[in-house]
Amino acid sequence: MPSTSSLSVHYQTVLTLQTRAKSLQRFTMEVQDAVRESRVSTGLCCLFLRHTSASLVIQENADPDVLLDMETFLAKLVPEGNYYRHSAEGPDDMPAHIRTALTHTSEQIPIMNGWLALGTWQGIYIWEHRSRGYRRDVVVHITGV
Protein backbone atom coordinates (compact mmCIF):
# COMPACT_ATOMS: atom_id res chain seq x y z
CA MET A 1 0.00 0.00 0.00
CA PRO A 2 1.32 3.47 -0.80
CA SER A 3 2.20 5.68 2.15
CA THR A 4 3.45 9.23 2.12
CA SER A 5 6.11 10.81 4.27
CA SER A 6 6.76 14.44 3.40
CA LEU A 7 6.35 14.56 -0.36
CA SER A 8 7.72 11.14 -1.20
CA VAL A 9 5.83 7.89 -1.61
CA HIS A 10 7.06 4.58 -0.22
CA TYR A 11 5.44 1.45 -1.56
CA GLN A 12 6.32 -2.17 -0.89
CA THR A 13 4.94 -5.49 -2.04
CA VAL A 14 6.14 -9.07 -2.46
CA LEU A 15 5.83 -10.90 -5.76
CA THR A 16 5.70 -14.68 -5.41
CA LEU A 17 6.84 -16.36 -8.60
CA GLN A 18 6.84 -20.05 -9.49
CA THR A 19 10.05 -20.85 -11.35
CA ARG A 20 10.93 -23.63 -13.75
CA ALA A 21 14.08 -25.73 -13.41
CA LYS A 22 17.33 -24.01 -14.46
CA SER A 23 15.78 -21.24 -16.49
CA LEU A 24 15.42 -17.49 -16.83
CA GLN A 25 11.84 -16.27 -16.49
CA ARG A 26 10.85 -12.73 -17.35
CA PHE A 27 8.62 -10.90 -14.87
CA THR A 28 8.98 -7.32 -16.11
CA MET A 29 5.23 -6.76 -16.39
CA GLU A 30 4.61 -7.81 -12.79
CA VAL A 31 7.16 -5.23 -11.62
CA GLN A 32 5.65 -2.57 -13.90
CA ASP A 33 2.22 -3.37 -12.41
CA ALA A 34 3.67 -2.66 -8.94
CA VAL A 35 5.08 0.66 -10.20
CA ARG A 36 1.66 1.60 -11.58
CA GLU A 37 -0.02 0.62 -8.30
CA SER A 38 2.48 2.75 -6.34
CA ARG A 39 1.50 5.84 -8.35
CA VAL A 40 5.16 6.95 -8.34
CA SER A 41 6.00 9.08 -11.37
CA THR A 42 9.70 9.69 -10.68
CA GLY A 43 11.70 7.49 -8.36
CA LEU A 44 13.47 4.21 -7.86
CA CYS A 45 12.29 0.60 -7.91
CA CYS A 46 14.41 -1.75 -5.80
CA LEU A 47 14.03 -5.50 -6.22
CA PHE A 48 15.35 -8.04 -3.73
CA LEU A 49 15.16 -11.82 -4.13
CA ARG A 50 14.90 -13.58 -0.75
CA HIS A 51 16.73 -16.74 -1.78
CA THR A 52 20.29 -18.06 -2.06
CA SER A 53 19.94 -20.42 -5.02
CA ALA A 54 18.32 -18.14 -7.60
CA SER A 55 19.16 -14.66 -8.83
CA LEU A 56 17.88 -11.55 -10.58
CA VAL A 57 19.19 -10.23 -13.88
CA ILE A 58 18.30 -7.50 -16.32
CA GLN A 59 18.95 -8.92 -19.75
CA GLU A 60 18.03 -9.20 -23.43
CA ASN A 61 14.29 -9.67 -23.93
CA ALA A 62 14.12 -10.23 -27.71
CA ASP A 63 16.46 -13.06 -28.72
CA PRO A 64 16.00 -16.19 -26.56
CA ASP A 65 19.44 -17.44 -27.66
CA VAL A 66 21.01 -14.85 -25.36
CA LEU A 67 19.35 -16.43 -22.33
CA LEU A 68 20.24 -19.95 -23.47
CA ASP A 69 23.86 -18.93 -23.98
CA MET A 70 23.96 -17.40 -20.50
CA GLU A 71 22.57 -20.58 -18.97
CA THR A 72 25.08 -22.72 -20.89
CA PHE A 73 28.02 -20.51 -19.91
CA LEU A 74 27.17 -20.45 -16.20
CA ALA A 75 26.61 -24.24 -16.17
CA LYS A 76 30.12 -24.72 -17.60
CA LEU A 77 31.63 -22.15 -15.24
CA VAL A 78 30.04 -23.78 -12.16
CA PRO A 79 29.51 -27.46 -12.96
CA GLU A 80 27.51 -29.90 -10.91
CA GLY A 81 29.24 -32.96 -9.56
CA ASN A 82 31.11 -34.31 -6.58
CA TYR A 83 33.31 -31.22 -6.23
CA TYR A 84 31.60 -29.71 -3.19
CA ARG A 85 31.27 -30.49 0.51
CA HIS A 86 27.79 -28.98 0.83
CA SER A 87 25.19 -31.20 -0.83
CA ALA A 88 22.39 -31.21 1.75
CA GLU A 89 19.69 -30.80 -0.89
CA GLY A 90 21.34 -32.70 -3.74
CA PRO A 91 24.08 -32.28 -6.32
CA ASP A 92 22.62 -29.00 -7.64
CA ASP A 93 22.59 -27.36 -4.18
CA MET A 94 26.09 -25.90 -3.86
CA PRO A 95 26.45 -25.03 -7.56
CA ALA A 96 23.21 -23.02 -7.24
CA HIS A 97 24.63 -21.08 -4.29
CA ILE A 98 27.84 -20.30 -6.22
CA ARG A 99 25.87 -19.20 -9.31
CA THR A 100 23.82 -16.86 -7.12
CA ALA A 101 26.99 -15.42 -5.55
CA LEU A 102 28.34 -14.68 -9.05
CA THR A 103 25.16 -12.91 -10.15
CA HIS A 104 22.73 -10.69 -8.18
CA THR A 105 19.94 -11.00 -5.66
CA SER A 106 18.97 -7.33 -6.04
CA GLU A 107 18.48 -4.79 -8.81
CA GLN A 108 17.61 -1.10 -8.89
CA ILE A 109 15.71 0.49 -11.76
CA PRO A 110 14.85 4.19 -12.12
CA ILE A 111 11.23 5.16 -12.66
CA MET A 112 10.50 7.87 -15.23
CA ASN A 113 7.00 9.16 -15.99
CA GLY A 114 5.47 6.23 -14.10
CA TRP A 115 7.41 3.60 -16.08
CA LEU A 116 10.46 1.48 -15.40
CA ALA A 117 13.34 3.19 -17.24
CA LEU A 118 14.48 -0.02 -18.94
CA GLY A 119 16.06 0.03 -22.38
CA THR A 120 14.16 -1.25 -25.40
CA TRP A 121 15.73 -4.70 -25.24
CA GLN A 122 15.90 -5.10 -21.46
CA GLY A 123 13.73 -7.38 -19.36
CA ILE A 124 13.78 -8.34 -15.68
CA TYR A 125 14.36 -12.04 -15.05
CA ILE A 126 14.51 -14.42 -12.14
CA TRP A 127 17.20 -17.00 -12.81
CA GLU A 128 16.47 -20.34 -11.21
CA HIS A 129 19.71 -22.23 -10.57
CA ARG A 130 18.19 -25.40 -9.11
CA SER A 131 17.22 -28.59 -10.98
CA ARG A 132 13.54 -28.08 -10.20
CA GLY A 133 11.24 -25.10 -9.91
CA TYR A 134 10.49 -23.32 -6.63
CA ARG A 135 8.22 -20.59 -5.31
CA ARG A 136 10.45 -17.51 -5.08
CA ASP A 137 9.69 -14.22 -3.32
CA VAL A 138 10.84 -10.91 -4.74
CA VAL A 139 10.45 -7.86 -2.50
CA VAL A 140 9.57 -4.79 -4.57
CA HIS A 141 10.30 -1.48 -2.84
CA ILE A 142 9.37 1.71 -4.69
CA THR A 143 10.19 5.18 -3.53
CA GLY A 144 9.65 8.53 -5.25
CA VAL A 145 7.14 11.21 -6.05
C-alpha atoms as a PDB file:
ATOM      1  CA  MET A   1       0.000   0.000   0.000  1.00  0.00           C
ATOM      2  CA  PRO A   2       1.321   3.474  -0.799  1.00  0.00           C
ATOM      3  CA  SER A   3       2.201   5.679   2.152  1.00  0.00           C
ATOM      4  CA  THR A   4       3.455   9.232   2.121  1.00  0.00           C
ATOM      5  CA  SER A   5       6.107  10.808   4.270  1.00  0.00           C
ATOM      6  CA  SER A   6       6.760  14.442   3.398  1.00  0.00           C
ATOM      7  CA  LEU A   7       6.346  14.557  -0.359  1.00  0.00           C
ATOM      8  CA  SER A   8       7.719  11.137  -1.198  1.00  0.00           C
ATOM      9  CA  VAL A   9       5.828   7.888  -1.606  1.00  0.00           C
ATOM     10  CA  HIS A  10       7.063   4.577  -0.217  1.00  0.00           C
ATOM     11  CA  TYR A  11       5.438   1.445  -1.562  1.00  0.00           C
ATOM     12  CA  GLN A  12       6.316  -2.172  -0.888  1.00  0.00           C
ATOM     13  CA  THR A  13       4.936  -5.494  -2.045  1.00  0.00           C
ATOM     14  CA  VAL A  14       6.141  -9.073  -2.456  1.00  0.00           C
ATOM     15  CA  LEU A  15       5.835 -10.901  -5.759  1.00  0.00           C
ATOM     16  CA  THR A  16       5.701 -14.680  -5.407  1.00  0.00           C
ATOM     17  CA  LEU A  17       6.842 -16.363  -8.599  1.00  0.00           C
ATOM     18  CA  GLN A  18       6.843 -20.049  -9.493  1.00  0.00           C
ATOM     19  CA  THR A  19      10.047 -20.849 -11.349  1.00  0.00           C
ATOM     20  CA  ARG A  20      10.929 -23.628 -13.746  1.00  0.00           C
ATOM     21  CA  ALA A  21      14.078 -25.728 -13.412  1.00  0.00           C
ATOM     22  CA  LYS A  22      17.330 -24.015 -14.460  1.00  0.00           C
ATOM     23  CA  SER A  23      15.780 -21.242 -16.491  1.00  0.00           C
ATOM     24  CA  LEU A  24      15.418 -17.491 -16.828  1.00  0.00           C
ATOM     25  CA  GLN A  25      11.836 -16.272 -16.494  1.00  0.00           C
ATOM     26  CA  ARG A  26      10.852 -12.732 -17.353  1.00  0.00           C
ATOM     27  CA  PHE A  27       8.625 -10.897 -14.873  1.00  0.00           C
ATOM     28  CA  THR A  28       8.984  -7.320 -16.112  1.00  0.00           C
ATOM     29  CA  MET A  29       5.233  -6.757 -16.387  1.00  0.00           C
ATOM     30  CA  GLU A  30       4.609  -7.815 -12.786  1.00  0.00           C
ATOM     31  CA  VAL A  31       7.156  -5.232 -11.617  1.00  0.00           C
ATOM     32  CA  GLN A  32       5.650  -2.572 -13.899  1.00  0.00           C
ATOM     33  CA  ASP A  33       2.218  -3.367 -12.408  1.00  0.00           C
ATOM     34  CA  ALA A  34       3.674  -2.660  -8.937  1.00  0.00           C
ATOM     35  CA  VAL A  35       5.079   0.664 -10.204  1.00  0.00           C
ATOM     36  CA  ARG A  36       1.660   1.596 -11.579  1.00  0.00           C
ATOM     37  CA  GLU A  37      -0.021   0.620  -8.298  1.00  0.00           C
ATOM     38  CA  SER A  38       2.479   2.751  -6.337  1.00  0.00           C
ATOM     39  CA  ARG A  39       1.499   5.840  -8.353  1.00  0.00           C
ATOM     40  CA  VAL A  40       5.158   6.952  -8.345  1.00  0.00           C
ATOM     41  CA  SER A  41       5.999   9.083 -11.370  1.00  0.00           C
ATOM     42  CA  THR A  42       9.695   9.690 -10.676  1.00  0.00           C
ATOM     43  CA  GLY A  43      11.700   7.486  -8.359  1.00  0.00           C
ATOM     44  CA  LEU A  44      13.472   4.211  -7.864  1.00  0.00           C
ATOM     45  CA  CYS A  45      12.289   0.601  -7.911  1.00  0.00           C
ATOM     46  CA  CYS A  46      14.414  -1.746  -5.802  1.00  0.00           C
ATOM     47  CA  LEU A  47      14.030  -5.498  -6.217  1.00  0.00           C
ATOM     48  CA  PHE A  48      15.349  -8.036  -3.726  1.00  0.00           C
ATOM     49  CA  LEU A  49      15.165 -11.816  -4.131  1.00  0.00           C
ATOM     50  CA  ARG A  50      14.898 -13.579  -0.751  1.00  0.00           C
ATOM     51  CA  HIS A  51      16.735 -16.739  -1.777  1.00  0.00           C
ATOM     52  CA  THR A  52      20.294 -18.064  -2.062  1.00  0.00           C
ATOM     53  CA  SER A  53      19.940 -20.424  -5.022  1.00  0.00           C
ATOM     54  CA  ALA A  54      18.322 -18.141  -7.603  1.00  0.00           C
ATOM     55  CA  SER A  55      19.161 -14.659  -8.829  1.00  0.00           C
ATOM     56  CA  LEU A  56      17.875 -11.553 -10.581  1.00  0.00           C
ATOM     57  CA  VAL A  57      19.186 -10.231 -13.880  1.00  0.00           C
ATOM     58  CA  ILE A  58      18.296  -7.497 -16.323  1.00  0.00           C
ATOM     59  CA  GLN A  59      18.949  -8.922 -19.749  1.00  0.00           C
ATOM     60  CA  GLU A  60      18.026  -9.203 -23.429  1.00  0.00           C
ATOM     61  CA  ASN A  61      14.285  -9.670 -23.935  1.00  0.00           C
ATOM     62  CA  ALA A  62      14.124 -10.226 -27.710  1.00  0.00           C
ATOM     63  CA  ASP A  63      16.458 -13.056 -28.721  1.00  0.00           C
ATOM     64  CA  PRO A  64      15.996 -16.190 -26.563  1.00  0.00           C
ATOM     65  CA  ASP A  65      19.436 -17.444 -27.665  1.00  0.00           C
ATOM     66  CA  VAL A  66      21.013 -14.852 -25.358  1.00  0.00           C
ATOM     67  CA  LEU A  67      19.346 -16.431 -22.331  1.00  0.00           C
ATOM     68  CA  LEU A  68      20.236 -19.954 -23.467  1.00  0.00           C
ATOM     69  CA  ASP A  69      23.864 -18.932 -23.983  1.00  0.00           C
ATOM     70  CA  MET A  70      23.958 -17.399 -20.502  1.00  0.00           C
ATOM     71  CA  GLU A  71      22.572 -20.584 -18.975  1.00  0.00           C
ATOM     72  CA  THR A  72      25.083 -22.720 -20.890  1.00  0.00           C
ATOM     73  CA  PHE A  73      28.017 -20.510 -19.909  1.00  0.00           C
ATOM     74  CA  LEU A  74      27.169 -20.451 -16.200  1.00  0.00           C
ATOM     75  CA  ALA A  75      26.609 -24.237 -16.169  1.00  0.00           C
ATOM     76  CA  LYS A  76      30.116 -24.716 -17.602  1.00  0.00           C
ATOM     77  CA  LEU A  77      31.632 -22.152 -15.239  1.00  0.00           C
ATOM     78  CA  VAL A  78      30.037 -23.779 -12.161  1.00  0.00           C
ATOM     79  CA  PRO A  79      29.506 -27.463 -12.964  1.00  0.00           C
ATOM     80  CA  GLU A  80      27.507 -29.896 -10.907  1.00  0.00           C
ATOM     81  CA  GLY A  81      29.238 -32.955  -9.559  1.00  0.00           C
ATOM     82  CA  ASN A  82      31.114 -34.310  -6.581  1.00  0.00           C
ATOM     83  CA  TYR A  83      33.314 -31.220  -6.226  1.00  0.00           C
ATOM     84  CA  TYR A  84      31.600 -29.705  -3.189  1.00  0.00           C
ATOM     85  CA  ARG A  85      31.272 -30.495   0.512  1.00  0.00           C
ATOM     86  CA  HIS A  86      27.787 -28.979   0.830  1.00  0.00           C
ATOM     87  CA  SER A  87      25.190 -31.203  -0.832  1.00  0.00           C
ATOM     88  CA  ALA A  88      22.395 -31.208   1.754  1.00  0.00           C
ATOM     89  CA  GLU A  89      19.692 -30.798  -0.886  1.00  0.00           C
ATOM     90  CA  GLY A  90      21.335 -32.699  -3.735  1.00  0.00           C
ATOM     91  CA  PRO A  91      24.081 -32.281  -6.325  1.00  0.00           C
ATOM     92  CA  ASP A  92      22.616 -28.998  -7.641  1.00  0.00           C
ATOM     93  CA  ASP A  93      22.586 -27.362  -4.184  1.00  0.00           C
ATOM     94  CA  MET A  94      26.093 -25.903  -3.858  1.00  0.00           C
ATOM     95  CA  PRO A  95      26.453 -25.028  -7.560  1.00  0.00           C
ATOM     96  CA  ALA A  96      23.209 -23.024  -7.244  1.00  0.00           C
ATOM     97  CA  HIS A  97      24.631 -21.080  -4.290  1.00  0.00           C
ATOM     98  CA  ILE A  98      27.836 -20.304  -6.217  1.00  0.00           C
ATOM     99  CA  ARG A  99      25.873 -19.201  -9.306  1.00  0.00           C
ATOM    100  CA  THR A 100      23.823 -16.858  -7.120  1.00  0.00           C
ATOM    101  CA  ALA A 101      26.990 -15.416  -5.555  1.00  0.00           C
ATOM    102  CA  LEU A 102      28.337 -14.682  -9.052  1.00  0.00           C
ATOM    103  CA  THR A 103      25.162 -12.912 -10.151  1.00  0.00           C
ATOM    104  CA  HIS A 104      22.729 -10.695  -8.180  1.00  0.00           C
ATOM    105  CA  THR A 105      19.935 -11.001  -5.655  1.00  0.00           C
ATOM    106  CA  SER A 106      18.974  -7.334  -6.037  1.00  0.00           C
ATOM    107  CA  GLU A 107      18.483  -4.792  -8.813  1.00  0.00           C
ATOM    108  CA  GLN A 108      17.606  -1.099  -8.887  1.00  0.00           C
ATOM    109  CA  ILE A 109      15.708   0.495 -11.760  1.00  0.00           C
ATOM    110  CA  PRO A 110      14.851   4.189 -12.117  1.00  0.00           C
ATOM    111  CA  ILE A 111      11.225   5.159 -12.656  1.00  0.00           C
ATOM    112  CA  MET A 112      10.500   7.873 -15.230  1.00  0.00           C
ATOM    113  CA  ASN A 113       6.999   9.162 -15.993  1.00  0.00           C
ATOM    114  CA  GLY A 114       5.475   6.228 -14.101  1.00  0.00           C
ATOM    115  CA  TRP A 115       7.407   3.601 -16.084  1.00  0.00           C
ATOM    116  CA  LEU A 116      10.464   1.478 -15.402  1.00  0.00           C
ATOM    117  CA  ALA A 117      13.343   3.192 -17.239  1.00  0.00           C
ATOM    118  CA  LEU A 118      14.478  -0.018 -18.944  1.00  0.00           C
ATOM    119  CA  GLY A 119      16.055   0.032 -22.376  1.00  0.00           C
ATOM    120  CA  THR A 120      14.164  -1.245 -25.402  1.00  0.00           C
ATOM    121  CA  TRP A 121      15.733  -4.705 -25.241  1.00  0.00           C
ATOM    122  CA  GLN A 122      15.905  -5.102 -21.456  1.00  0.00           C
ATOM    123  CA  GLY A 123      13.734  -7.382 -19.361  1.00  0.00           C
ATOM    124  CA  ILE A 124      13.780  -8.344 -15.685  1.00  0.00           C
ATOM    125  CA  TYR A 125      14.358 -12.037 -15.047  1.00  0.00           C
ATOM    126  CA  ILE A 126      14.505 -14.424 -12.140  1.00  0.00           C
ATOM    127  CA  TRP A 127      17.200 -16.998 -12.812  1.00  0.00           C
ATOM    128  CA  GLU A 128      16.471 -20.339 -11.212  1.00  0.00           C
ATOM    129  CA  HIS A 129      19.712 -22.225 -10.570  1.00  0.00           C
ATOM    130  CA  ARG A 130      18.188 -25.403  -9.112  1.00  0.00           C
ATOM    131  CA  SER A 131      17.216 -28.591 -10.977  1.00  0.00           C
ATOM    132  CA  ARG A 132      13.543 -28.075 -10.197  1.00  0.00           C
ATOM    133  CA  GLY A 133      11.241 -25.097  -9.906  1.00  0.00           C
ATOM    134  CA  TYR A 134      10.492 -23.320  -6.629  1.00  0.00           C
ATOM    135  CA  ARG A 135       8.223 -20.594  -5.313  1.00  0.00           C
ATOM    136  CA  ARG A 136      10.447 -17.508  -5.083  1.00  0.00           C
ATOM    137  CA  ASP A 137       9.689 -14.218  -3.322  1.00  0.00           C
ATOM    138  CA  VAL A 138      10.844 -10.907  -4.739  1.00  0.00           C
ATOM    139  CA  VAL A 139      10.448  -7.860  -2.504  1.00  0.00           C
ATOM    140  CA  VAL A 140       9.573  -4.787  -4.567  1.00  0.00           C
ATOM    141  CA  HIS A 141      10.299  -1.478  -2.841  1.00  0.00           C
ATOM    142  CA  ILE A 142       9.369   1.708  -4.694  1.00  0.00           C
ATOM    143  CA  THR A 143      10.189   5.179  -3.531  1.00  0.00           C
ATOM    144  CA  GLY A 144       9.647   8.526  -5.245  1.00  0.00           C
ATOM    145  CA  VAL A 145       7.144  11.213  -6.055  1.00  0.00           C
END
